[in-house]
Amino acid sequence: MLYLTILFLLFTGASLLSDVQVVVVNVNAFAFSSHSSNQPSIRISRNQRRDNEISGLQTTTTTTTATLLEYVDDLLQRECTDNWIIPTETEILERVQKQHASDCQTAISSPLALDSIRSQEYGDDNNCKKVGTIPHEWIVSRKGGGKIAVQSLTPVLNGTEIAILQNAVDTILQQRRVEEGVSTNSRFTYQFKGNSEVHAADFAKLSDGRAITVINKLLLERLYPLVREAFPNDVTLSHNMFVYDSLMIRYNASASDHKSAGQPLHRDLGVISVNVMLNDGFEGGGTYFDNQADVELVSNNDQACLEPIKPSGGPGHCIAHFSNERHAGAGTTSGVRDILVFFLSLNELTPQLSNAHLKQTRSACDDRLQQDNENVSSKEKILCRIRHQRLAIEMLPNDGEAYLYLGSALLDFAKQASDGLERVDILNHAIQSLQHASTLTPNDARIYNNWGIALARLEDEEKEEEWGENEERKGEGGLTKPSVQQTYQRGLKLLLQAREAGCAVDDDLDALSLNYGLYLSNQDAFADACAILEHPVSRWRKGKHNSKVVEDAYCLQRWCETRIGTL
């Protein structure tokens, strides 16, 4: 057998959002608030109801899940009590509060209009008319009927307003070319070469003021009222909204390094994300949601379920969705696609916002621990991640991504244990966390990549200890655990569906294929391993990669080819 180290590749993704600068709008109508730092145990039933409603899933709080969280609490108590380097719950929550307060202050200083429940009174000061109802409807999954996103039934921008915004973008991009002497490729985290964007706040720098006026009228007269009406349980009368960030993004298929221009699967920061369609005349594009996926698709007719979503009304119409719904910008295969996106947040630090901040742990833990001690250990960094994810679950108990990240951190923590029985115990709890994540967000392929790794490691531990091989493997709630291959296969199907829908998932496919192929090679299933490795290896042959993962897949496939027929 060939025994190699299985790659543990977790695609957390950086935030899509960047800071906005600059001048004051409607400060008197806006104030921010937050939960106190000594309240880590926040429950909010409306978010739990909404999560079930959107996904169409039946989620349960089992005895096993409670036992998992008790185990994590005991682990943190045991490992962190006398370790001053690892931040306490109070310190972590205070950091989240400070970040939210900073976001609110940035919004107050921004030229982008702030929302208030007194939006209807803005007419005189902001040259905006009194707002009314914005007709809209929910887009639902064709397979399960679950709610995916809201679309407006009337335009939120007219042709003249769209032209003003597009001309403003052209002016700013041209200024960048002249001033910087470089291309205007995107600075946006998830954008690819050839795409470009302009932050809406930059429109205030243009002398005529027309574009920023269009943006603020759009917010005050249409988008804020639409969001309030469409998401009443999440944006209540006690909340004021603000723009965390806003961008006009240009997907240029002809300028892209990829076969199409888009974005990979990700979640946004904020509460509600709004996407306004600005043009037609392109092919491809649209927004693909994880909740559209269905591994049981059996016919070509079912493929319609995977069609990326665009506003059915065309240019000027918008879609809006919860920011924590995982989604991707499907590739624009021909032409140029312009969209205007808003990431809307709230003045109150709600459990959803706290949860989103808490899950951004790797950089937070690395920065904090490195500042306190140059010799901080990997173990302490992992414990910091575990504590953050435990708090994220405390904020939103039905967040599958938090359980994914908790399970992944436990998977890393198992490598720190020197005793085999302890490693098995940690791995079993990592598997419980990942299995529960799969019940909450069953279409997140990252879960199955990391779950497969955890199951494979547990198999190795059991073989080394020469126990447990003949025992029936039980998972959460006494259910039999899937095999390593079943787990990888589900993740593979989900990624292939996302790719079929036009999403940029090559890196995720490469990683899962390598991990799966490596497992098969360790089982002496060399022909099967070669077949699974074909996706990353095909990228090697075409020279379309910049990845150690692809190189390793190529080397592993070549080795497996030499072993076929030798057993």
Protein backbone atom coordinates (compact mmCIF):
# COMPACT_ATOMS: atom_id res chain seq x y z
CA MET A 1 0.00 0.00 0.00
CA LEU A 2 1.00 3.58 -0.55
CA TYR A 3 0.54 5.57 2.66
CA LEU A 4 0.70 9.31 2.20
CA THR A 5 -0.57 12.19 4.26
CA ILE A 6 -4.14 13.00 3.27
CA LEU A 7 -4.50 16.65 2.47
CA PHE A 8 -6.87 18.48 4.76
CA LEU A 9 -8.18 21.24 2.53
CA LEU A 10 -10.87 23.47 3.93
CA PHE A 11 -12.20 26.24 1.72
CA THR A 12 -13.38 28.88 4.16
CA GLY A 13 -13.13 31.77 1.71
CA ALA A 14 -12.33 35.34 2.55
CA SER A 15 -15.00 37.94 3.01
CA LEU A 16 -16.50 39.51 -0.08
CA LEU A 17 -16.70 42.78 1.71
CA SER A 18 -14.28 45.66 2.08
CA ASP A 19 -14.37 48.91 4.03
CA VAL A 20 -16.22 51.93 2.73
CA GLN A 21 -14.89 55.46 3.44
CA VAL A 22 -16.09 58.90 3.75
CA VAL A 23 -18.91 61.64 4.15
CA VAL A 24 -22.05 61.95 6.33
CA VAL A 25 -25.65 61.11 5.37
CA ASN A 26 -28.65 60.99 7.74
CA VAL A 27 -26.60 60.59 10.92
CA ASN A 28 -29.43 61.78 13.16
CA ALA A 29 -31.71 59.00 11.96
CA PHE A 30 -29.24 56.28 12.86
CA ALA A 31 -27.91 54.67 16.01
CA PHE A 32 -26.28 51.34 16.70
CA SER A 33 -26.62 48.93 19.60
CA SER A 34 -25.34 45.50 20.59
CA HIS A 35 -25.81 42.66 23.01
CA SER A 36 -23.60 42.93 26.08
CA SER A 37 -20.40 40.90 26.11
CA ASN A 38 -21.55 38.84 29.10
CA GLN A 39 -24.39 37.28 27.10
CA PRO A 40 -22.84 34.45 25.09
CA SER A 41 -25.93 32.24 25.36
CA ILE A 42 -28.20 33.95 22.85
CA ARG A 43 -31.12 32.08 21.28
CA ILE A 44 -33.36 33.59 18.65
CA SER A 45 -36.24 31.45 17.43
CA ARG A 46 -37.03 33.53 14.34
CA ASN A 47 -33.63 32.67 12.83
CA GLN A 48 -34.13 28.98 13.53
CA ARG A 49 -37.57 29.08 11.90
CA ARG A 50 -36.18 30.97 8.93
CA ASP A 51 -33.27 28.54 8.45
CA ASN A 52 -35.73 25.63 8.27
CA GLU A 53 -38.02 27.57 5.96
CA ILE A 54 -35.29 28.48 3.50
CA SER A 55 -33.59 25.12 3.28
CA GLY A 56 -36.67 22.94 3.46
CA LEU A 57 -34.78 20.68 5.89
CA GLN A 58 -35.99 19.04 9.08
CA THR A 59 -33.37 19.85 11.72
CA THR A 60 -33.40 18.24 15.15
CA THR A 61 -31.49 18.81 18.36
CA THR A 62 -30.52 15.26 19.30
CA THR A 63 -29.02 13.92 22.49
CA THR A 64 -25.86 13.22 20.51
CA THR A 65 -25.54 16.86 19.46
CA ALA A 66 -25.96 17.98 23.07
CA THR A 67 -23.31 15.46 24.08
CA LEU A 68 -20.99 16.81 21.39
CA LEU A 69 -21.32 20.37 22.69
CA GLU A 70 -20.81 19.19 26.28
CA TYR A 71 -17.63 17.45 25.11
CA VAL A 72 -16.41 20.65 23.44
CA ASP A 73 -17.20 22.69 26.56
CA ASP A 74 -15.27 20.22 28.73
CA LEU A 75 -12.37 20.26 26.28
CA LEU A 76 -12.16 24.06 26.35
CA GLN A 77 -12.50 24.12 30.14
CA ARG A 78 -9.70 21.59 30.52
CA GLU A 79 -7.31 23.05 27.96
CA CYS A 80 -7.91 26.80 28.30
CA THR A 81 -8.56 27.53 31.99
CA ASP A 82 -4.93 28.22 32.89
CA ASN A 83 -3.81 29.31 29.42
CA TRP A 84 -3.83 33.12 29.31
CA ILE A 85 -2.81 33.14 25.64
CA ILE A 86 -6.15 31.83 24.35
CA PRO A 87 -8.81 34.58 24.38
CA THR A 88 -11.74 34.11 26.73
CA GLU A 89 -15.37 34.13 25.63
CA THR A 90 -15.74 37.65 26.98
CA GLU A 91 -12.69 38.87 25.05
CA ILE A 92 -13.92 37.29 21.83
CA LEU A 93 -17.40 38.81 22.17
CA GLU A 94 -15.91 42.21 22.98
CA ARG A 95 -13.84 41.99 19.78
CA VAL A 96 -16.99 41.19 17.79
CA GLN A 97 -18.78 44.15 19.37
CA LYS A 98 -15.90 46.48 18.52
CA GLN A 99 -15.86 45.26 14.93
CA HIS A 100 -19.59 45.85 14.62
CA ALA A 101 -19.31 49.31 16.17
CA SER A 102 -16.55 50.10 13.69
CA ASP A 103 -18.77 48.93 10.82
CA CYS A 104 -21.56 51.21 12.05
CA GLN A 105 -19.24 54.20 12.34
CA THR A 106 -17.92 53.55 8.85
CA ALA A 107 -21.50 53.53 7.58
CA ILE A 108 -22.22 56.83 9.31
CA SER A 109 -19.20 58.35 7.56
CA SER A 110 -20.19 56.91 4.19
CA PRO A 111 -21.97 58.83 1.42
CA LEU A 112 -24.42 55.93 1.17
CA ALA A 113 -27.85 56.59 2.70
CA LEU A 114 -28.71 55.05 6.04
CA ASP A 115 -32.04 53.40 6.66
CA SER A 116 -34.45 54.23 9.44
CA ILE A 117 -38.02 53.26 10.17
CA ARG A 118 -38.57 56.96 9.43
CA SER A 119 -37.50 56.38 5.81
CA GLN A 120 -40.87 57.72 4.67
CA GLU A 121 -39.98 61.08 6.22
CA TYR A 122 -36.81 61.45 4.15
CA GLY A 123 -38.51 63.12 1.23
CA ASP A 124 -37.59 66.75 1.91
CA ASP A 125 -33.99 66.24 3.05
CA ASN A 126 -32.95 63.67 0.47
CA ASN A 127 -35.02 64.62 -2.56
CA CYS A 128 -36.78 61.26 -2.30
CA LYS A 129 -40.47 60.59 -2.64
CA LYS A 130 -42.51 58.84 0.02
CA VAL A 131 -41.96 55.10 -0.23
CA GLY A 132 -44.64 52.53 -0.88
CA THR A 133 -44.94 48.79 -1.35
CA ILE A 134 -42.39 47.16 -3.66
CA PRO A 135 -44.10 44.22 -5.42
CA HIS A 136 -42.08 41.04 -4.99
CA GLU A 137 -42.32 37.26 -4.82
CA TRP A 138 -40.29 34.35 -3.48
CA ILE A 139 -38.35 32.14 -5.87
CA VAL A 140 -38.67 28.55 -4.68
CA SER A 141 -36.74 25.38 -5.40
CA ARG A 142 -38.25 23.37 -8.25
CA LYS A 143 -37.51 20.12 -6.46
CA GLY A 144 -38.31 20.71 -2.80
CA GLY A 145 -40.29 23.94 -2.88
CA GLY A 146 -38.01 25.61 -0.34
CA LYS A 147 -37.63 29.39 -0.49
CA ILE A 148 -34.39 30.52 -2.12
CA ALA A 149 -34.57 34.27 -2.83
CA VAL A 150 -36.95 37.18 -3.32
CA GLN A 151 -37.29 38.91 -6.69
CA SER A 152 -38.86 42.28 -7.41
CA LEU A 153 -41.84 42.26 -9.76
CA THR A 154 -41.27 45.86 -10.87
CA PRO A 155 -37.95 47.51 -11.74
CA VAL A 156 -36.02 49.13 -8.90
CA LEU A 157 -33.96 51.07 -11.48
CA ASN A 158 -35.15 52.54 -14.78
CA GLY A 159 -33.14 52.76 -17.99
CA THR A 160 -31.97 56.32 -17.37
CA GLU A 161 -30.72 55.48 -13.87
CA ILE A 162 -28.89 52.40 -15.13
CA ALA A 163 -27.18 54.47 -17.84
CA ILE A 164 -26.04 57.03 -15.24
CA LEU A 165 -24.47 54.27 -13.12
CA GLN A 166 -22.78 52.54 -16.05
CA ASN A 167 -21.35 55.84 -17.30
CA ALA A 168 -20.04 56.56 -13.79
CA VAL A 169 -18.31 53.17 -13.70
CA ASP A 170 -16.74 53.79 -17.11
CA THR A 171 -15.43 57.17 -15.89
CA ILE A 172 -13.91 55.72 -12.70
CA LEU A 173 -12.30 52.77 -14.51
CA GLN A 174 -10.82 55.13 -17.08
CA GLN A 175 -9.43 57.33 -14.30
CA ARG A 176 -7.76 54.28 -12.76
CA ARG A 177 -6.12 53.40 -16.06
CA VAL A 178 -4.69 56.89 -16.37
CA GLU A 179 -3.66 57.32 -12.73
CA GLU A 180 -2.32 53.85 -12.01
CA GLY A 181 -1.04 52.90 -15.43
CA VAL A 182 -2.27 49.36 -14.87
CA SER A 183 -5.26 47.26 -15.77
CA THR A 184 -8.54 47.72 -13.93
CA ASN A 185 -8.82 44.12 -12.77
CA SER A 186 -10.95 43.51 -9.74
CA ARG A 187 -9.72 44.03 -6.19
CA PHE A 188 -12.74 42.11 -4.98
CA THR A 189 -11.73 38.97 -3.03
CA TYR A 190 -13.57 36.44 -5.16
CA GLN A 191 -13.14 38.04 -8.56
CA PHE A 192 -10.98 36.61 -11.33
CA LYS A 193 -8.65 38.36 -13.71
CA GLY A 194 -10.56 40.31 -16.33
CA ASN A 195 -13.42 41.25 -14.02
CA SER A 196 -13.64 44.71 -12.52
CA GLU A 197 -15.65 46.57 -9.92
CA VAL A 198 -16.32 49.99 -8.48
CA HIS A 199 -17.45 50.60 -4.91
CA ALA A 200 -20.70 52.56 -4.85
CA ALA A 201 -19.21 54.96 -2.30
CA ASP A 202 -16.70 56.02 -4.97
CA PHE A 203 -19.55 57.55 -6.97
CA ALA A 204 -19.53 60.42 -4.45
CA LYS A 205 -16.11 61.45 -5.79
CA LEU A 206 -17.56 62.33 -9.19
CA SER A 207 -18.26 66.04 -9.55
CA ASP A 208 -21.75 65.85 -11.08
CA GLY A 209 -23.21 63.88 -8.14
CA ARG A 210 -25.73 62.08 -10.36
CA ALA A 211 -24.62 58.50 -9.67
CA ILE A 212 -24.56 58.80 -5.87
CA THR A 213 -28.00 60.42 -6.00
CA VAL A 214 -29.33 57.45 -7.98
CA ILE A 215 -27.82 55.03 -5.44
CA ASN A 216 -29.31 56.78 -2.42
CA LYS A 217 -32.76 57.13 -3.97
CA LEU A 218 -32.58 53.43 -4.83
CA LEU A 219 -31.77 52.57 -1.22
CA LEU A 220 -34.30 54.83 0.48
CA GLU A 221 -37.24 54.51 -1.89
CA ARG A 222 -36.95 50.90 -3.00
CA LEU A 223 -34.39 48.53 -1.48
CA TYR A 224 -34.74 49.31 2.22
CA PRO A 225 -38.57 49.13 2.01
CA LEU A 226 -38.39 45.94 -0.07
CA VAL A 227 -36.11 44.23 2.44
CA ARG A 228 -38.28 45.31 5.38
CA GLU A 229 -41.39 43.89 3.73
CA ALA A 230 -39.83 40.68 2.40
CA PHE A 231 -37.87 39.77 5.55
CA PRO A 232 -40.04 41.07 8.42
CA ASN A 233 -38.78 38.57 11.01
CA ASP A 234 -35.14 39.46 10.41
CA VAL A 235 -35.39 43.21 9.81
CA THR A 236 -37.87 44.40 12.43
CA LEU A 237 -39.16 47.85 13.31
CA SER A 238 -36.46 48.09 15.97
CA HIS A 239 -33.69 47.74 13.38
CA ASN A 240 -32.06 50.34 11.17
CA MET A 241 -30.21 49.08 8.10
CA PHE A 242 -26.99 50.32 6.57
CA VAL A 243 -24.83 49.36 3.61
CA TYR A 244 -21.89 47.25 4.77
CA ASP A 245 -20.55 47.51 1.24
CA SER A 246 -21.88 48.01 -2.28
CA LEU A 247 -20.23 47.29 -5.59
CA MET A 248 -20.98 47.53 -9.26
CA ILE A 249 -19.33 44.43 -10.72
CA ARG A 250 -18.50 43.90 -14.38
CA TYR A 251 -18.04 40.31 -15.54
CA ASN A 252 -16.19 40.35 -18.86
CA ALA A 253 -16.11 36.89 -20.42
CA SER A 254 -13.58 37.83 -23.09
CA ALA A 255 -11.11 39.24 -20.55
CA SER A 256 -11.29 36.34 -18.10
CA ASP A 257 -8.50 33.82 -17.54
CA HIS A 258 -11.21 31.22 -17.06
CA LYS A 259 -13.62 29.89 -19.65
CA SER A 260 -16.21 32.10 -17.98
CA ALA A 261 -16.29 35.04 -15.58
CA GLY A 262 -17.95 34.53 -12.21
CA GLN A 263 -17.38 33.78 -8.52
CA PRO A 264 -16.96 30.57 -6.50
CA LEU A 265 -19.36 29.42 -3.79
CA HIS A 266 -19.31 31.68 -0.74
CA ARG A 267 -21.38 33.42 1.92
CA ASP A 268 -21.56 37.19 2.37
CA LEU A 269 -21.12 39.17 5.53
CA GLY A 270 -24.18 41.16 6.51
CA VAL A 271 -27.83 40.16 6.88
CA ILE A 272 -29.44 40.60 3.46
CA SER A 273 -27.70 40.71 0.06
CA VAL A 274 -29.34 42.44 -2.91
CA ASN A 275 -28.33 41.95 -6.53
CA VAL A 276 -29.65 44.34 -9.20
CA MET A 277 -29.42 43.28 -12.86
CA LEU A 278 -28.16 46.16 -15.02
CA ASN A 279 -28.04 44.75 -18.55
CA ASP A 280 -28.77 41.84 -20.84
CA GLY A 281 -27.02 40.80 -24.04
CA PHE A 282 -24.71 38.28 -22.34
CA GLU A 283 -24.78 34.51 -21.99
CA GLY A 284 -24.47 32.59 -18.74
CA GLY A 285 -24.38 34.43 -15.44
CA GLY A 286 -26.91 34.47 -12.64
CA THR A 287 -26.72 33.40 -9.01
CA TYR A 288 -26.49 29.73 -8.09
CA PHE A 289 -27.48 28.67 -4.56
CA ASP A 290 -26.36 25.56 -2.70
CA ASN A 291 -30.02 24.94 -1.90
CA GLN A 292 -30.69 24.32 -5.59
CA ALA A 293 -28.45 21.23 -5.60
CA ASP A 294 -29.94 17.74 -5.56
CA VAL A 295 -27.74 14.64 -5.65
CA GLU A 296 -30.78 12.55 -6.64
CA LEU A 297 -31.12 14.17 -10.09
CA VAL A 298 -31.82 11.39 -12.57
CA SER A 299 -32.79 13.00 -15.87
CA ASN A 300 -31.94 15.91 -18.10
CA ASN A 301 -35.31 17.42 -17.24
CA ASP A 302 -34.17 17.69 -13.63
CA GLN A 303 -31.23 19.85 -14.68
CA ALA A 304 -33.59 22.84 -14.79
CA CYS A 305 -33.37 22.84 -10.99
CA LEU A 306 -29.72 23.86 -11.30
CA GLU A 307 -30.31 26.87 -13.56
CA PRO A 308 -28.68 29.95 -11.96
CA ILE A 309 -31.22 32.55 -10.89
CA LYS A 310 -31.66 35.91 -12.59
CA PRO A 311 -34.52 38.37 -12.06
CA SER A 312 -37.25 37.23 -14.44
CA GLY A 313 -38.14 40.85 -15.23
CA GLY A 314 -34.73 41.59 -16.75
CA PRO A 315 -32.55 44.71 -16.34
CA GLY A 316 -33.54 46.99 -13.47
CA HIS A 317 -35.05 44.16 -11.41
CA CYS A 318 -33.37 42.64 -8.37
CA ILE A 319 -33.14 39.53 -6.24
CA ALA A 320 -32.53 39.56 -2.47
CA HIS A 321 -31.46 36.72 -0.19
CA PHE A 322 -30.08 36.02 3.25
CA SER A 323 -26.38 36.83 3.24
CA ASN A 324 -25.55 33.56 4.96
CA GLU A 325 -27.08 31.50 2.15
CA ARG A 326 -24.15 29.94 0.31
CA HIS A 327 -24.15 30.96 -3.36
CA ALA A 328 -21.97 31.62 -6.38
CA GLY A 329 -21.90 33.95 -9.34
CA ALA A 330 -22.33 31.60 -12.28
CA GLY A 331 -19.87 32.22 -15.08
CA THR A 332 -20.65 34.70 -17.84
CA THR A 333 -19.67 32.70 -20.92
CA SER A 334 -20.13 35.41 -23.55
CA GLY A 335 -20.36 39.19 -23.47
CA VAL A 336 -20.29 41.54 -20.49
CA ARG A 337 -22.59 41.33 -17.48
CA ASP A 338 -23.06 44.29 -15.11
CA ILE A 339 -24.66 43.92 -11.69
CA LEU A 340 -25.05 46.20 -8.68
CA VAL A 341 -24.79 44.43 -5.31
CA PHE A 342 -25.55 45.64 -1.81
CA PHE A 343 -24.59 43.90 1.42
CA LEU A 344 -27.01 45.22 4.03
CA SER A 345 -26.36 45.05 7.75
CA LEU A 346 -28.16 46.18 10.91
CA ASN A 347 -27.38 48.71 13.60
CA GLU A 348 -28.07 46.04 16.23
CA LEU A 349 -25.53 43.28 16.73
CA THR A 350 -27.93 40.39 16.22
CA PRO A 351 -27.08 36.70 16.71
CA GLN A 352 -26.81 36.31 12.91
CA LEU A 353 -24.22 39.09 12.66
CA SER A 354 -22.32 37.82 15.70
CA ASN A 355 -22.32 34.33 14.22
CA ALA A 356 -20.88 35.62 10.93
CA HIS A 357 -18.06 37.47 12.69
CA LEU A 358 -17.28 34.53 14.99
CA LYS A 359 -16.83 32.14 12.07
CA GLN A 360 -14.06 34.31 10.59
CA THR A 361 -11.58 32.72 12.99
CA ARG A 362 -8.32 31.83 11.30
CA SER A 363 -6.98 35.34 10.82
CA ALA A 364 -8.50 36.53 14.11
CA CYS A 365 -6.83 33.74 16.08
CA ASP A 366 -3.51 34.04 14.26
CA ASP A 367 -3.35 37.82 14.70
CA ARG A 368 -4.44 37.85 18.33
CA LEU A 369 -2.22 35.01 19.48
CA GLN A 370 0.80 36.23 17.54
CA GLN A 371 0.50 39.66 19.16
CA ASP A 372 0.46 38.12 22.64
CA ASN A 373 3.21 35.56 22.22
CA GLU A 374 5.71 34.95 19.44
CA ASN A 375 5.98 31.28 20.41
CA VAL A 376 2.29 30.46 20.28
CA SER A 377 1.69 26.79 19.41
CA SER A 378 -0.49 25.23 16.74
CA LYS A 379 -2.51 23.65 19.53
CA GLU A 380 -3.38 27.05 20.99
CA LYS A 381 -4.44 28.36 17.57
CA ILE A 382 -6.72 25.36 17.10
CA LEU A 383 -8.26 25.82 20.56
CA CYS A 384 -8.90 29.45 19.68
CA ARG A 385 -10.75 28.31 16.55
CA ILE A 386 -12.77 25.76 18.54
CA ARG A 387 -13.83 28.41 21.05
CA HIS A 388 -14.92 30.78 18.27
CA GLN A 389 -17.00 28.10 16.54
CA ARG A 390 -18.57 27.00 19.83
CA LEU A 391 -19.71 30.59 20.35
CA ALA A 392 -20.93 30.78 16.73
CA ILE A 393 -23.13 27.74 17.40
CA GLU A 394 -24.35 29.37 20.61
CA MET A 395 -25.52 32.33 18.55
CA LEU A 396 -27.23 30.29 15.80
CA PRO A 397 -27.71 26.65 16.86
CA ASN A 398 -28.94 25.62 13.40
CA ASP A 399 -25.95 26.94 11.44
CA GLY A 400 -24.44 24.02 9.56
CA GLU A 401 -21.36 26.00 8.55
CA ALA A 402 -20.42 26.57 12.21
CA TYR A 403 -20.64 22.81 12.80
CA LEU A 404 -18.52 22.28 9.69
CA TYR A 405 -15.84 24.60 11.04
CA LEU A 406 -16.06 23.07 14.52
CA GLY A 407 -15.64 19.58 13.11
CA SER A 408 -12.72 20.73 10.97
CA ALA A 409 -11.01 22.32 13.99
CA LEU A 410 -11.50 19.12 16.00
CA LEU A 411 -10.04 17.18 13.08
CA ASP A 412 -6.93 19.34 13.31
CA PHE A 413 -6.89 19.02 17.10
CA ALA A 414 -6.82 15.21 16.86
CA LYS A 415 -3.35 15.47 15.33
CA GLN A 416 -2.14 17.14 18.53
CA ALA A 417 -2.95 14.08 20.67
CA SER A 418 -0.14 11.61 21.36
CA ASP A 419 -2.38 8.83 22.65
CA GLY A 420 -4.23 6.67 20.13
CA LEU A 421 -7.38 6.32 22.22
CA GLU A 422 -7.53 10.09 22.69
CA ARG A 423 -7.16 10.64 18.93
CA VAL A 424 -10.01 8.22 18.27
CA ASP A 425 -12.19 10.05 20.80
CA ILE A 426 -11.50 13.44 19.20
CA LEU A 427 -12.03 12.05 15.69
CA ASN A 428 -15.38 10.56 16.68
CA HIS A 429 -16.53 13.96 17.95
CA ALA A 430 -15.24 15.65 14.79
CA ILE A 431 -17.29 13.16 12.77
CA GLN A 432 -20.36 13.86 14.91
CA SER A 433 -19.98 17.58 14.23
CA LEU A 434 -19.57 17.07 10.48
CA GLN A 435 -22.47 14.63 10.37
CA HIS A 436 -24.71 17.16 12.12
CA ALA A 437 -23.51 19.84 9.69
CA SER A 438 -24.70 17.61 6.86
CA THR A 439 -28.22 17.47 8.34
CA LEU A 440 -28.37 21.27 8.55
CA THR A 441 -26.70 22.17 5.23
CA PRO A 442 -26.75 18.95 3.20
CA ASN A 443 -25.58 20.57 -0.04
CA ASP A 444 -22.29 22.06 1.20
CA ALA A 445 -19.63 19.93 -0.50
CA ARG A 446 -16.93 21.07 1.93
CA ILE A 447 -18.59 19.00 4.65
CA TYR A 448 -18.13 15.78 2.69
CA ASN A 449 -14.50 16.51 1.84
CA ASN A 450 -13.61 16.95 5.51
CA TRP A 451 -15.96 14.20 6.68
CA GLY A 452 -14.27 11.76 4.31
CA ILE A 453 -10.87 12.74 5.70
CA ALA A 454 -12.10 12.24 9.26
CA LEU A 455 -13.57 8.81 8.52
CA ALA A 456 -10.38 7.74 6.73
CA ARG A 457 -8.23 8.83 9.66
CA LEU A 458 -10.49 6.96 12.05
CA GLU A 459 -10.11 3.82 9.92
CA ASP A 460 -6.33 4.17 10.10
CA GLU A 461 -6.42 4.62 13.88
CA GLU A 462 -8.62 1.55 14.31
CA LYS A 463 -6.34 -0.56 12.11
CA GLU A 464 -3.27 0.58 14.01
CA GLU A 465 -4.85 -0.26 17.35
CA GLU A 466 -6.29 -3.51 15.90
CA TRP A 467 -9.71 -2.88 17.38
CA GLY A 468 -13.06 -1.65 16.21
CA GLU A 469 -12.77 -2.96 12.63
CA ASN A 470 -15.63 -5.42 13.02
CA GLU A 471 -17.85 -3.15 15.09
CA GLU A 472 -20.79 -1.50 13.41
CA ARG A 473 -19.88 2.15 13.00
CA LYS A 474 -22.54 4.35 14.53
CA GLY A 475 -22.96 8.05 13.96
CA GLU A 476 -25.19 10.79 15.29
CA GLY A 477 -28.40 9.57 16.90
CA GLY A 478 -27.30 5.93 16.51
CA LEU A 479 -27.42 6.09 12.70
CA THR A 480 -24.84 4.05 10.84
CA LYS A 481 -22.02 6.22 9.56
CA PRO A 482 -21.56 6.33 5.79
CA SER A 483 -18.44 4.83 4.33
CA VAL A 484 -15.51 7.01 3.32
CA GLN A 485 -16.36 6.43 -0.34
CA GLN A 486 -20.05 7.30 0.12
CA THR A 487 -19.05 10.56 1.78
CA TYR A 488 -16.57 11.57 -0.92
CA GLN A 489 -19.02 10.54 -3.65
CA ARG A 490 -21.73 12.84 -2.31
CA GLY A 491 -19.32 15.77 -2.18
CA LEU A 492 -18.16 14.97 -5.70
CA LYS A 493 -21.73 14.93 -7.06
CA LEU A 494 -22.51 18.28 -5.45
CA LEU A 495 -19.41 19.90 -6.93
CA LEU A 496 -20.10 18.45 -10.37
CA GLN A 497 -23.63 19.87 -10.24
CA ALA A 498 -22.28 23.28 -9.26
CA ARG A 499 -19.79 23.11 -12.14
CA GLU A 500 -22.59 22.13 -14.52
CA ALA A 501 -24.46 25.24 -13.36
CA GLY A 502 -21.46 27.37 -14.35
CA CYS A 503 -19.81 27.87 -10.94
CA ALA A 504 -16.04 28.11 -10.52
CA VAL A 505 -15.39 25.05 -8.33
CA ASP A 506 -12.19 23.71 -9.90
CA ASP A 507 -10.10 24.22 -6.75
CA ASP A 508 -12.65 22.43 -4.57
CA LEU A 509 -12.94 19.60 -7.10
CA ASP A 510 -9.15 19.27 -7.26
CA ALA A 511 -8.85 18.97 -3.48
CA LEU A 512 -11.69 16.50 -3.00
CA SER A 513 -10.50 14.41 -5.97
CA LEU A 514 -6.98 14.25 -4.56
CA ASN A 515 -8.18 13.28 -1.08
CA TYR A 516 -10.54 10.66 -2.53
CA GLY A 517 -7.94 9.33 -4.94
CA LEU A 518 -5.37 9.09 -2.16
CA TYR A 519 -7.79 7.11 -0.03
CA LEU A 520 -8.52 4.70 -2.91
CA SER A 521 -4.81 4.22 -3.60
CA ASN A 522 -4.27 3.34 0.06
CA GLN A 523 -6.98 0.67 -0.42
CA ASP A 524 -5.05 -0.66 -3.47
CA ALA A 525 -7.96 0.42 -5.72
CA PHE A 526 -5.54 1.90 -8.23
CA ALA A 527 -7.79 1.94 -11.31
CA ASP A 528 -10.56 3.67 -9.38
CA ALA A 529 -8.06 6.16 -8.01
CA CYS A 530 -6.86 7.00 -11.53
CA ALA A 531 -10.44 7.68 -12.63
CA ILE A 532 -11.17 9.96 -9.66
CA LEU A 533 -7.92 11.87 -10.16
CA GLU A 534 -8.71 12.65 -13.79
CA HIS A 535 -10.24 16.08 -13.10
CA PRO A 536 -7.15 17.69 -11.55
CA VAL A 537 -4.84 15.76 -13.88
CA SER A 538 -6.70 17.08 -16.94
CA ARG A 539 -5.93 20.57 -15.67
CA TRP A 540 -2.28 19.58 -15.37
CA ARG A 541 -2.20 18.44 -19.00
CA LYS A 542 -3.78 21.70 -20.18
CA GLY A 543 -1.46 23.81 -18.06
CA LYS A 544 -4.50 25.53 -16.52
CA HIS A 545 -3.48 25.45 -12.88
CA ASN A 546 -1.28 27.13 -10.33
CA SER A 547 -1.66 24.58 -7.61
CA LYS A 548 0.41 22.10 -5.63
CA VAL A 549 -2.77 20.03 -5.32
CA VAL A 550 -2.91 19.53 -9.10
CA GLU A 551 0.77 18.60 -9.22
CA ASP A 552 0.30 16.06 -6.42
CA ALA A 553 -2.73 14.58 -8.19
CA TYR A 554 -0.69 14.18 -11.38
CA CYS A 555 2.14 12.42 -9.52
CA LEU A 556 -0.28 10.17 -7.65
CA GLN A 557 -2.10 9.16 -10.83
CA ARG A 558 1.18 8.28 -12.55
CA TRP A 559 2.17 6.11 -9.58
CA CYS A 560 -1.24 4.40 -9.52
CA GLU A 561 -0.92 3.62 -13.23
CA THR A 562 2.29 1.70 -12.52
CA ARG A 563 0.51 -0.34 -9.85
CA ILE A 564 -2.52 -1.42 -11.89
CA GLY A 565 -2.32 -5.17 -12.49
CA THR A 566 0.55 -5.73 -10.07
CA LEU A 567 -1.52 -7.12 -7.17
